[in-house]
Amino acid sequence: MITSVFRKSTPLNFSMVVILMLVFFLIFQFQDLSWTNSIFLMVSKAGLFCLLLVSMFTTSFIAKRNGLSKDSAFTIFFFLLFLLFFPSVLNNANLIIANFFILLAIRRLVSMQSLKAAKEKIFDASFWIFVATLFHFWSILFILLVFISIIFHVARDYRNWFLPIIALVSVAIVSLVFASVFDIDILAFFSYSMQTNFKIDYFTNNYQNVAFAIYATIALFFILTMFATLSSKPQILHSSYKKIIASFFIGVLVFLISAEKSNDLLLFTIAPLSILVTTDIEIPQVKLNQELIFYALVICSMFTFFTQL
């Protein structure tokens, strides 16, 4: 049974997911081979693939290290499946880079439940979020997750509330220096990046619409399931689960606000949703139910991927 294959995290499981990721990545990239004529573009494609892999394993690390999942390979597999819902994101370098930095921030914030080096974690998370805004401005909304974490763990120390400001100043200084060296009009850059658009009428074909509808239905199902089962989770992990749920909804908010609307923006929701689905499928239940969920997700991801090529 397919769930048995990914129930344990082994080098074989990891290799299978990496190979599958490479196969689907190449299938999408081979639609347009113009990039093969440039060494720079080839290296860029390889870099994007590696960054996607690192993002996938970072998501798994967040779940396992903080006790949100067992020692399984479910998280990386679900990350891959959800990524296939929106194949065009495989060419969106800015979003892939921004999402990677957001994952670095989430990793630091979720680990705050240990209360060790809280100030360093708050600063690091804020710093990575502000770096992410250089690639997609509205990822700045994830700073809300920093303040949520402060409220959960270290609200009494007033100094913690100023650390995001220090991180902002740090990134601003580095950005200004970079803009000066390369003669970039940073005001024009941010003026363009800060535009908003709340309309969801960007679909260029019906298959994008279908992919969005299926993904939204799956996300709603597992979010509601998490809310229903949260009380049965260990009390010590409640704040971590709440931060994962919050990160999902912030990702939705980024999607709703961003001006250049596309399904690609839902990339910010894939990591938290992968963790939530893993948590649900690892709950002791009738094995048939687990298999049905697994096969349904596989079929949906395959359908949406190939119909959008």
C-alpha atoms as a PDB file:
ATOM      1  CA  MET A   1       0.000   0.000   0.000  1.00  0.00           C
ATOM      2  CA  ILE A   2       1.269   3.449  -0.911  1.00  0.00           C
ATOM      3  CA  THR A   3       0.989   4.909   2.602  1.00  0.00           C
ATOM      4  CA  SER A   4       3.302   2.187   3.904  1.00  0.00           C
ATOM      5  CA  VAL A   5       6.033   3.345   1.525  1.00  0.00           C
ATOM      6  CA  PHE A   6       6.175   6.851   3.009  1.00  0.00           C
ATOM      7  CA  ARG A   7       5.423   5.954   6.625  1.00  0.00           C
ATOM      8  CA  LYS A   8       9.145   5.890   7.405  1.00  0.00           C
ATOM      9  CA  SER A   9      11.734   8.434   6.326  1.00  0.00           C
ATOM     10  CA  THR A  10      14.506   6.517   4.602  1.00  0.00           C
ATOM     11  CA  PRO A  11      17.095   7.441   1.987  1.00  0.00           C
ATOM     12  CA  LEU A  12      15.040   5.419  -0.524  1.00  0.00           C
ATOM     13  CA  ASN A  13      11.920   7.505   0.150  1.00  0.00           C
ATOM     14  CA  PHE A  14      13.837  10.758  -0.113  1.00  0.00           C
ATOM     15  CA  SER A  15      15.458   9.600  -3.354  1.00  0.00           C
ATOM     16  CA  MET A  16      12.070   8.673  -4.821  1.00  0.00           C
ATOM     17  CA  VAL A  17      10.622  12.120  -4.092  1.00  0.00           C
ATOM     18  CA  VAL A  18      13.717  13.911  -5.424  1.00  0.00           C
ATOM     19  CA  ILE A  19      13.582  11.873  -8.645  1.00  0.00           C
ATOM     20  CA  LEU A  20       9.849  12.570  -9.021  1.00  0.00           C
ATOM     21  CA  MET A  21      10.469  16.267  -8.446  1.00  0.00           C
ATOM     22  CA  LEU A  22      13.183  16.259 -11.115  1.00  0.00           C
ATOM     23  CA  VAL A  23      10.964  14.394 -13.589  1.00  0.00           C
ATOM     24  CA  PHE A  24       8.042  16.819 -13.231  1.00  0.00           C
ATOM     25  CA  PHE A  25      10.371  19.821 -13.227  1.00  0.00           C
ATOM     26  CA  LEU A  26      11.957  18.690 -16.498  1.00  0.00           C
ATOM     27  CA  ILE A  27       8.584  17.843 -18.069  1.00  0.00           C
ATOM     28  CA  PHE A  28       7.493  21.415 -17.471  1.00  0.00           C
ATOM     29  CA  GLN A  29      10.784  22.991 -18.546  1.00  0.00           C
ATOM     30  CA  PHE A  30      10.996  20.969 -21.760  1.00  0.00           C
ATOM     31  CA  GLN A  31       7.897  22.714 -23.108  1.00  0.00           C
ATOM     32  CA  ASP A  32      10.207  25.580 -24.075  1.00  0.00           C
ATOM     33  CA  LEU A  33      13.822  24.648 -24.757  1.00  0.00           C
ATOM     34  CA  SER A  34      15.100  28.174 -25.408  1.00  0.00           C
ATOM     35  CA  TRP A  35      16.847  28.155 -22.027  1.00  0.00           C
ATOM     36  CA  THR A  36      19.148  25.365 -23.226  1.00  0.00           C
ATOM     37  CA  ASN A  37      20.920  27.891 -25.474  1.00  0.00           C
ATOM     38  CA  SER A  38      22.242  29.879 -22.506  1.00  0.00           C
ATOM     39  CA  ILE A  39      24.624  28.631 -19.829  1.00  0.00           C
ATOM     40  CA  PHE A  40      23.298  31.307 -17.466  1.00  0.00           C
ATOM     41  CA  LEU A  41      19.679  30.186 -17.929  1.00  0.00           C
ATOM     42  CA  MET A  42      20.639  26.539 -17.491  1.00  0.00           C
ATOM     43  CA  VAL A  43      22.404  27.328 -14.232  1.00  0.00           C
ATOM     44  CA  SER A  44      19.382  29.420 -13.172  1.00  0.00           C
ATOM     45  CA  LYS A  45      17.020  26.502 -13.814  1.00  0.00           C
ATOM     46  CA  ALA A  46      19.283  24.176 -11.844  1.00  0.00           C
ATOM     47  CA  GLY A  47      19.386  26.718  -9.018  1.00  0.00           C
ATOM     48  CA  LEU A  48      15.589  26.976  -8.910  1.00  0.00           C
ATOM     49  CA  PHE A  49      15.286  23.190  -8.773  1.00  0.00           C
ATOM     50  CA  CYS A  50      17.776  22.981  -5.906  1.00  0.00           C
ATOM     51  CA  LEU A  51      15.967  25.762  -4.049  1.00  0.00           C
ATOM     52  CA  LEU A  52      12.676  23.889  -4.403  1.00  0.00           C
ATOM     53  CA  LEU A  53      14.318  20.773  -2.987  1.00  0.00           C
ATOM     54  CA  VAL A  54      15.771  22.723  -0.063  1.00  0.00           C
ATOM     55  CA  SER A  55      12.351  24.296   0.576  1.00  0.00           C
ATOM     56  CA  MET A  56      10.719  20.875   0.563  1.00  0.00           C
ATOM     57  CA  PHE A  57      13.199  19.384   3.031  1.00  0.00           C
ATOM     58  CA  THR A  58      13.072  22.525   5.194  1.00  0.00           C
ATOM     59  CA  THR A  59       9.304  22.004   5.480  1.00  0.00           C
ATOM     60  CA  SER A  60       9.884  18.406   6.562  1.00  0.00           C
ATOM     61  CA  PHE A  61      12.547  19.552   9.037  1.00  0.00           C
ATOM     62  CA  ILE A  62      10.139  22.076  10.610  1.00  0.00           C
ATOM     63  CA  ALA A  63       7.527  19.370  11.115  1.00  0.00           C
ATOM     64  CA  LYS A  64       9.838  16.690  12.512  1.00  0.00           C
ATOM     65  CA  ARG A  65      12.125  18.866  14.633  1.00  0.00           C
ATOM     66  CA  ASN A  66       9.191  20.462  16.437  1.00  0.00           C
ATOM     67  CA  GLY A  67       7.177  17.291  16.977  1.00  0.00           C
ATOM     68  CA  LEU A  68       4.457  18.204  14.469  1.00  0.00           C
ATOM     69  CA  SER A  69       4.924  14.959  12.566  1.00  0.00           C
ATOM     70  CA  LYS A  70       6.438  11.555  13.072  1.00  0.00           C
ATOM     71  CA  ASP A  71       9.547  10.224  11.392  1.00  0.00           C
ATOM     72  CA  SER A  72       7.860   9.827   8.007  1.00  0.00           C
ATOM     73  CA  ALA A  73       8.330  11.053   4.451  1.00  0.00           C
ATOM     74  CA  PHE A  74       4.728  12.240   4.125  1.00  0.00           C
ATOM     75  CA  THR A  75       5.545  15.947   4.372  1.00  0.00           C
ATOM     76  CA  ILE A  76       7.970  16.037   1.460  1.00  0.00           C
ATOM     77  CA  PHE A  77       5.635  13.943  -0.676  1.00  0.00           C
ATOM     78  CA  PHE A  78       2.651  16.208   0.014  1.00  0.00           C
ATOM     79  CA  PHE A  79       4.825  19.255  -0.711  1.00  0.00           C
ATOM     80  CA  LEU A  80       5.551  17.771  -4.135  1.00  0.00           C
ATOM     81  CA  LEU A  81       1.896  16.912  -4.788  1.00  0.00           C
ATOM     82  CA  PHE A  82       0.665  20.406  -3.925  1.00  0.00           C
ATOM     83  CA  LEU A  83       3.426  21.982  -6.003  1.00  0.00           C
ATOM     84  CA  LEU A  84       2.114  20.087  -9.033  1.00  0.00           C
ATOM     85  CA  PHE A  85      -1.215  21.900  -8.726  1.00  0.00           C
ATOM     86  CA  PHE A  86       0.503  25.048  -9.982  1.00  0.00           C
ATOM     87  CA  PRO A  87       3.222  24.023 -12.479  1.00  0.00           C
ATOM     88  CA  SER A  88       3.830  27.577 -13.706  1.00  0.00           C
ATOM     89  CA  VAL A  89       5.396  28.383 -10.339  1.00  0.00           C
ATOM     90  CA  LEU A  90       8.367  26.252 -11.438  1.00  0.00           C
ATOM     91  CA  ASN A  91       9.415  29.225 -13.592  1.00  0.00           C
ATOM     92  CA  ASN A  92       8.692  31.922 -11.016  1.00  0.00           C
ATOM     93  CA  ALA A  93      12.106  32.608  -9.504  1.00  0.00           C
ATOM     94  CA  ASN A  94      11.024  35.533  -7.316  1.00  0.00           C
ATOM     95  CA  LEU A  95       8.263  33.560  -5.598  1.00  0.00           C
ATOM     96  CA  ILE A  96      10.448  30.489  -5.085  1.00  0.00           C
ATOM     97  CA  ILE A  97      13.175  32.620  -3.481  1.00  0.00           C
ATOM     98  CA  ALA A  98      10.702  34.607  -1.349  1.00  0.00           C
ATOM     99  CA  ASN A  99       9.009  31.410  -0.175  1.00  0.00           C
ATOM    100  CA  PHE A 100      12.382  29.922   0.776  1.00  0.00           C
ATOM    101  CA  PHE A 101      13.177  32.886   3.034  1.00  0.00           C
ATOM    102  CA  ILE A 102       9.686  32.699   4.554  1.00  0.00           C
ATOM    103  CA  LEU A 103      10.323  29.038   5.382  1.00  0.00           C
ATOM    104  CA  LEU A 104      13.562  30.004   7.127  1.00  0.00           C
ATOM    105  CA  ALA A 105      11.533  32.480   9.194  1.00  0.00           C
ATOM    106  CA  ILE A 106       8.827  29.928  10.027  1.00  0.00           C
ATOM    107  CA  ARG A 107      11.499  27.452  11.090  1.00  0.00           C
ATOM    108  CA  ARG A 108      12.825  29.923  13.660  1.00  0.00           C
ATOM    109  CA  LEU A 109       9.388  30.969  14.894  1.00  0.00           C
ATOM    110  CA  VAL A 110       7.984  27.470  15.373  1.00  0.00           C
ATOM    111  CA  SER A 111      11.081  26.489  17.363  1.00  0.00           C
ATOM    112  CA  MET A 112      10.347  29.284  19.865  1.00  0.00           C
ATOM    113  CA  GLN A 113       8.258  26.840  21.885  1.00  0.00           C
ATOM    114  CA  SER A 114      11.522  25.783  23.548  1.00  0.00           C
ATOM    115  CA  LEU A 115      12.005  29.400  24.759  1.00  0.00           C
ATOM    116  CA  LYS A 116      15.734  29.084  24.018  1.00  0.00           C
ATOM    117  CA  ALA A 117      17.440  32.063  22.346  1.00  0.00           C
ATOM    118  CA  ALA A 118      14.045  33.712  21.781  1.00  0.00           C
ATOM    119  CA  LYS A 119      15.513  37.118  20.900  1.00  0.00           C
ATOM    120  CA  GLU A 120      17.840  35.643  18.284  1.00  0.00           C
ATOM    121  CA  LYS A 121      14.959  33.706  16.738  1.00  0.00           C
ATOM    122  CA  ILE A 122      12.711  36.770  16.602  1.00  0.00           C
ATOM    123  CA  PHE A 123      15.438  38.828  14.929  1.00  0.00           C
ATOM    124  CA  ASP A 124      16.375  36.060  12.477  1.00  0.00           C
ATOM    125  CA  ALA A 125      12.764  35.420  11.489  1.00  0.00           C
ATOM    126  CA  SER A 126      12.076  39.126  11.010  1.00  0.00           C
ATOM    127  CA  PHE A 127      15.268  39.529   8.988  1.00  0.00           C
ATOM    128  CA  TRP A 128      14.382  36.669   6.627  1.00  0.00           C
ATOM    129  CA  ILE A 129      10.840  37.993   6.163  1.00  0.00           C
ATOM    130  CA  PHE A 130      12.113  41.439   5.218  1.00  0.00           C
ATOM    131  CA  VAL A 131      14.603  39.863   2.822  1.00  0.00           C
ATOM    132  CA  ALA A 132      11.692  37.953   1.258  1.00  0.00           C
ATOM    133  CA  THR A 133       9.896  41.254   0.618  1.00  0.00           C
ATOM    134  CA  LEU A 134      12.683  42.214  -1.792  1.00  0.00           C
ATOM    135  CA  PHE A 135      11.490  39.376  -4.032  1.00  0.00           C
ATOM    136  CA  HIS A 136       7.757  39.627  -3.370  1.00  0.00           C
ATOM    137  CA  PHE A 137       6.712  42.661  -1.379  1.00  0.00           C
ATOM    138  CA  TRP A 138       3.491  41.352   0.155  1.00  0.00           C
ATOM    139  CA  SER A 139       5.327  38.506   1.852  1.00  0.00           C
ATOM    140  CA  ILE A 140       5.926  41.277   4.421  1.00  0.00           C
ATOM    141  CA  LEU A 141       2.565  40.203   5.857  1.00  0.00           C
ATOM    142  CA  PHE A 142       4.347  37.230   7.435  1.00  0.00           C
ATOM    143  CA  ILE A 143       5.724  39.702   9.981  1.00  0.00           C
ATOM    144  CA  LEU A 144       2.330  39.152  11.640  1.00  0.00           C
ATOM    145  CA  LEU A 145       3.560  35.655  12.469  1.00  0.00           C
ATOM    146  CA  VAL A 146       6.495  37.161  14.347  1.00  0.00           C
ATOM    147  CA  PHE A 147       4.183  39.179  16.570  1.00  0.00           C
ATOM    148  CA  ILE A 148       1.897  36.169  17.046  1.00  0.00           C
ATOM    149  CA  SER A 149       4.921  34.201  18.256  1.00  0.00           C
ATOM    150  CA  ILE A 150       5.923  37.006  20.611  1.00  0.00           C
ATOM    151  CA  ILE A 151       2.409  37.027  22.074  1.00  0.00           C
ATOM    152  CA  PHE A 152       2.474  33.247  22.534  1.00  0.00           C
ATOM    153  CA  HIS A 153       5.869  33.056  24.223  1.00  0.00           C
ATOM    154  CA  VAL A 154       7.713  36.233  25.255  1.00  0.00           C
ATOM    155  CA  ALA A 155       5.234  39.109  25.326  1.00  0.00           C
ATOM    156  CA  ARG A 156       6.303  40.330  28.770  1.00  0.00           C
ATOM    157  CA  ASP A 157       9.771  41.412  27.667  1.00  0.00           C
ATOM    158  CA  TYR A 158       9.170  44.734  25.878  1.00  0.00           C
ATOM    159  CA  ARG A 159      12.540  44.480  24.077  1.00  0.00           C
ATOM    160  CA  ASN A 160      11.235  41.636  21.948  1.00  0.00           C
ATOM    161  CA  TRP A 161       8.692  43.944  20.311  1.00  0.00           C
ATOM    162  CA  PHE A 162      11.478  46.175  18.932  1.00  0.00           C
ATOM    163  CA  LEU A 163      13.566  43.406  17.384  1.00  0.00           C
ATOM    164  CA  PRO A 164      11.550  43.323  14.115  1.00  0.00           C
ATOM    165  CA  ILE A 165      12.223  47.054  13.731  1.00  0.00           C
ATOM    166  CA  ILE A 166      15.957  46.465  14.138  1.00  0.00           C
ATOM    167  CA  ALA A 167      15.750  43.703  11.519  1.00  0.00           C
ATOM    168  CA  LEU A 168      13.874  46.050   9.180  1.00  0.00           C
ATOM    169  CA  VAL A 169      16.550  48.730   9.540  1.00  0.00           C
ATOM    170  CA  SER A 170      19.272  46.143   8.882  1.00  0.00           C
ATOM    171  CA  VAL A 171      17.663  44.937   5.661  1.00  0.00           C
ATOM    172  CA  ALA A 172      16.892  48.524   4.602  1.00  0.00           C
ATOM    173  CA  ILE A 173      20.526  49.575   4.994  1.00  0.00           C
ATOM    174  CA  VAL A 174      21.797  46.596   3.001  1.00  0.00           C
ATOM    175  CA  SER A 175      19.155  47.238   0.311  1.00  0.00           C
ATOM    176  CA  LEU A 176      20.083  50.915   0.008  1.00  0.00           C
ATOM    177  CA  VAL A 177      23.761  50.073  -0.344  1.00  0.00           C
ATOM    178  CA  PHE A 178      22.967  47.459  -2.990  1.00  0.00           C
ATOM    179  CA  ALA A 179      20.683  49.899  -4.858  1.00  0.00           C
ATOM    180  CA  SER A 180      23.377  52.575  -4.803  1.00  0.00           C
ATOM    181  CA  VAL A 181      26.062  50.267  -6.131  1.00  0.00           C
ATOM    182  CA  PHE A 182      23.921  48.946  -8.980  1.00  0.00           C
ATOM    183  CA  ASP A 183      22.085  52.227  -9.636  1.00  0.00           C
ATOM    184  CA  ILE A 184      18.614  50.871  -8.849  1.00  0.00           C
ATOM    185  CA  ASP A 185      15.691  53.244  -8.241  1.00  0.00           C
ATOM    186  CA  ILE A 186      14.526  51.621  -5.024  1.00  0.00           C
ATOM    187  CA  LEU A 187      11.582  54.008  -4.589  1.00  0.00           C
ATOM    188  CA  ALA A 188      10.205  53.098  -8.003  1.00  0.00           C
ATOM    189  CA  PHE A 189      10.834  49.431  -7.241  1.00  0.00           C
ATOM    190  CA  PHE A 190       8.783  49.478  -4.046  1.00  0.00           C
ATOM    191  CA  SER A 191       6.135  51.766  -5.526  1.00  0.00           C
ATOM    192  CA  TYR A 192       5.497  49.152  -8.194  1.00  0.00           C
ATOM    193  CA  SER A 193       5.773  46.207  -5.782  1.00  0.00           C
ATOM    194  CA  MET A 194       3.279  47.652  -3.282  1.00  0.00           C
ATOM    195  CA  GLN A 195       0.368  47.673  -5.700  1.00  0.00           C
ATOM    196  CA  THR A 196      -2.678  45.625  -4.736  1.00  0.00           C
ATOM    197  CA  ASN A 197      -5.407  43.758  -6.563  1.00  0.00           C
ATOM    198  CA  PHE A 198      -8.265  41.940  -4.841  1.00  0.00           C
ATOM    199  CA  LYS A 199      -9.905  40.596  -8.006  1.00  0.00           C
ATOM    200  CA  ILE A 200      -9.728  36.864  -8.676  1.00  0.00           C
ATOM    201  CA  ASP A 201     -10.368  36.932 -12.422  1.00  0.00           C
ATOM    202  CA  TYR A 202      -6.909  36.152 -13.719  1.00  0.00           C
ATOM    203  CA  PHE A 203      -7.529  32.619 -15.034  1.00  0.00           C
ATOM    204  CA  THR A 204      -6.310  32.236 -18.615  1.00  0.00           C
ATOM    205  CA  ASN A 205      -7.965  28.829 -19.040  1.00  0.00           C
ATOM    206  CA  ASN A 206     -10.499  26.613 -17.301  1.00  0.00           C
ATOM    207  CA  TYR A 207      -7.852  24.200 -16.054  1.00  0.00           C
ATOM    208  CA  GLN A 208      -6.270  26.911 -13.878  1.00  0.00           C
ATOM    209  CA  ASN A 209      -9.720  27.536 -12.450  1.00  0.00           C
ATOM    210  CA  VAL A 210     -10.202  23.818 -11.767  1.00  0.00           C
ATOM    211  CA  ALA A 211      -6.761  23.548 -10.111  1.00  0.00           C
ATOM    212  CA  PHE A 212      -7.586  26.498  -7.866  1.00  0.00           C
ATOM    213  CA  ALA A 213     -10.994  25.051  -6.940  1.00  0.00           C
ATOM    214  CA  ILE A 214      -9.614  21.590  -6.116  1.00  0.00           C
ATOM    215  CA  TYR A 215      -6.716  23.002  -4.098  1.00  0.00           C
ATOM    216  CA  ALA A 216      -9.031  25.336  -2.167  1.00  0.00           C
ATOM    217  CA  THR A 217     -11.394  22.426  -1.382  1.00  0.00           C
ATOM    218  CA  ILE A 218      -8.529  20.234  -0.151  1.00  0.00           C
ATOM    219  CA  ALA A 219      -7.119  23.066   1.964  1.00  0.00           C
ATOM    220  CA  LEU A 220     -10.511  23.839   3.497  1.00  0.00           C
ATOM    221  CA  PHE A 221     -11.054  20.178   4.378  1.00  0.00           C
ATOM    222  CA  PHE A 222      -7.737  19.775   6.181  1.00  0.00           C
ATOM    223  CA  ILE A 223      -7.914  23.171   7.901  1.00  0.00           C
ATOM    224  CA  LEU A 224     -11.330  22.276   9.323  1.00  0.00           C
ATOM    225  CA  THR A 225     -10.001  18.858  10.310  1.00  0.00           C
ATOM    226  CA  MET A 226      -7.129  20.492  12.177  1.00  0.00           C
ATOM    227  CA  PHE A 227      -9.489  22.814  14.042  1.00  0.00           C
ATOM    228  CA  ALA A 228     -11.644  19.802  14.968  1.00  0.00           C
ATOM    229  CA  THR A 229      -8.729  17.718  16.247  1.00  0.00           C
ATOM    230  CA  LEU A 230      -6.510  20.421  17.762  1.00  0.00           C
ATOM    231  CA  SER A 231      -7.833  19.845  21.291  1.00  0.00           C
ATOM    232  CA  SER A 232      -6.651  16.221  21.116  1.00  0.00           C
ATOM    233  CA  LYS A 233      -3.074  17.268  20.314  1.00  0.00           C
ATOM    234  CA  PRO A 234      -0.466  17.528  23.113  1.00  0.00           C
ATOM    235  CA  GLN A 235      -0.917  20.850  24.906  1.00  0.00           C
ATOM    236  CA  ILE A 236       2.747  21.731  24.488  1.00  0.00           C
ATOM    237  CA  LEU A 237       2.352  21.660  20.696  1.00  0.00           C
ATOM    238  CA  HIS A 238      -0.779  23.828  20.467  1.00  0.00           C
ATOM    239  CA  SER A 239       1.125  27.064  19.894  1.00  0.00           C
ATOM    240  CA  SER A 240       3.188  25.435  17.130  1.00  0.00           C
ATOM    241  CA  TYR A 241       0.103  24.131  15.346  1.00  0.00           C
ATOM    242  CA  LYS A 242      -1.551  27.533  15.676  1.00  0.00           C
ATOM    243  CA  LYS A 243       1.492  29.175  14.087  1.00  0.00           C
ATOM    244  CA  ILE A 244       1.364  26.736  11.169  1.00  0.00           C
ATOM    245  CA  ILE A 245      -2.349  27.463  10.712  1.00  0.00           C
ATOM    246  CA  ALA A 246      -1.649  31.211  10.951  1.00  0.00           C
ATOM    247  CA  SER A 247       1.112  30.936   8.343  1.00  0.00           C
ATOM    248  CA  PHE A 248      -1.349  29.241   5.985  1.00  0.00           C
ATOM    249  CA  PHE A 249      -3.896  32.038   6.342  1.00  0.00           C
ATOM    250  CA  ILE A 250      -1.201  34.699   5.959  1.00  0.00           C
ATOM    251  CA  GLY A 251      -0.195  32.943   2.733  1.00  0.00           C
ATOM    252  CA  VAL A 252      -3.830  33.182   1.595  1.00  0.00           C
ATOM    253  CA  LEU A 253      -3.810  36.886   2.480  1.00  0.00           C
ATOM    254  CA  VAL A 254      -0.653  37.417   0.408  1.00  0.00           C
ATOM    255  CA  PHE A 255      -2.452  35.752  -2.503  1.00  0.00           C
ATOM    256  CA  LEU A 256      -5.544  37.929  -2.089  1.00  0.00           C
ATOM    257  CA  ILE A 257      -3.642  41.231  -1.855  1.00  0.00           C
ATOM    258  CA  SER A 258      -0.906  40.813  -4.461  1.00  0.00           C
ATOM    259  CA  ALA A 259      -1.335  42.783  -7.672  1.00  0.00           C
ATOM    260  CA  GLU A 260       0.102  40.322 -10.194  1.00  0.00           C
ATOM    261  CA  LYS A 261      -2.481  37.669  -9.374  1.00  0.00           C
ATOM    262  CA  SER A 262      -1.875  34.043 -10.320  1.00  0.00           C
ATOM    263  CA  ASN A 263      -2.159  30.582  -8.821  1.00  0.00           C
ATOM    264  CA  ASP A 264       1.617  30.737  -8.308  1.00  0.00           C
ATOM    265  CA  LEU A 265       1.071  32.938  -5.246  1.00  0.00           C
ATOM    266  CA  LEU A 266      -0.458  29.978  -3.423  1.00  0.00           C
ATOM    267  CA  LEU A 267       3.102  28.665  -3.128  1.00  0.00           C
ATOM    268  CA  PHE A 268       3.192  30.431   0.260  1.00  0.00           C
ATOM    269  CA  THR A 269       0.459  28.095   1.523  1.00  0.00           C
ATOM    270  CA  ILE A 270       1.979  24.810   0.336  1.00  0.00           C
ATOM    271  CA  ALA A 271       4.453  24.243   3.195  1.00  0.00           C
ATOM    272  CA  PRO A 272       1.969  24.802   6.062  1.00  0.00           C
ATOM    273  CA  LEU A 273      -0.710  22.776   4.262  1.00  0.00           C
ATOM    274  CA  SER A 274       1.757  19.904   3.732  1.00  0.00           C
ATOM    275  CA  ILE A 275       2.431  19.834   7.473  1.00  0.00           C
ATOM    276  CA  LEU A 276      -1.286  19.923   8.313  1.00  0.00           C
ATOM    277  CA  VAL A 277      -2.096  17.078   5.899  1.00  0.00           C
ATOM    278  CA  THR A 278       0.777  15.025   7.316  1.00  0.00           C
ATOM    279  CA  THR A 279      -0.546  15.573  10.831  1.00  0.00           C
ATOM    280  CA  ASP A 280      -3.986  14.392   9.774  1.00  0.00           C
ATOM    281  CA  ILE A 281      -2.893  11.307   7.851  1.00  0.00           C
ATOM    282  CA  GLU A 282      -0.644  10.177  10.721  1.00  0.00           C
ATOM    283  CA  ILE A 283      -3.591  10.074  13.134  1.00  0.00           C
ATOM    284  CA  PRO A 284      -4.491   6.431  13.906  1.00  0.00           C
ATOM    285  CA  GLN A 285      -7.504   5.651  11.699  1.00  0.00           C
ATOM    286  CA  VAL A 286      -8.908   3.072   9.350  1.00  0.00           C
ATOM    287  CA  LYS A 287      -6.134   2.267   6.879  1.00  0.00           C
ATOM    288  CA  LEU A 288      -8.583   2.412   3.975  1.00  0.00           C
ATOM    289  CA  ASN A 289      -9.309   6.057   4.797  1.00  0.00           C
ATOM    290  CA  GLN A 290      -5.604   6.895   4.674  1.00  0.00           C
ATOM    291  CA  GLU A 291      -5.231   5.160   1.318  1.00  0.00           C
ATOM    292  CA  LEU A 292      -8.262   6.951  -0.121  1.00  0.00           C
ATOM    293  CA  ILE A 293      -6.911  10.366   0.961  1.00  0.00           C
ATOM    294  CA  PHE A 294      -3.505   9.535  -0.453  1.00  0.00           C
ATOM    295  CA  TYR A 295      -4.778   8.291  -3.820  1.00  0.00           C
ATOM    296  CA  ALA A 296      -7.213  11.196  -4.131  1.00  0.00           C
ATOM    297  CA  LEU A 297      -4.390  13.709  -3.654  1.00  0.00           C
ATOM    298  CA  VAL A 298      -2.157  11.892  -6.138  1.00  0.00           C
ATOM    299  CA  ILE A 299      -4.904  11.756  -8.792  1.00  0.00           C
ATOM    300  CA  CYS A 300      -5.836  15.429  -8.298  1.00  0.00           C
ATOM    301  CA  SER A 301      -2.231  16.602  -8.507  1.00  0.00           C
ATOM    302  CA  MET A 302      -1.527  14.534 -11.634  1.00  0.00           C
ATOM    303  CA  PHE A 303      -4.701  15.770 -13.321  1.00  0.00           C
ATOM    304  CA  THR A 304      -4.083  19.446 -12.570  1.00  0.00           C
ATOM    305  CA  PHE A 305      -0.403  19.251 -13.563  1.00  0.00           C
ATOM    306  CA  PHE A 306      -0.837  17.622 -16.964  1.00  0.00           C
ATOM    307  CA  THR A 307      -3.939  19.615 -17.938  1.00  0.00           C
ATOM    308  CA  GLN A 308      -2.041  22.887 -17.423  1.00  0.00           C
ATOM    309  CA  LEU A 309       0.965  21.996 -19.549  1.00  0.00           C
END
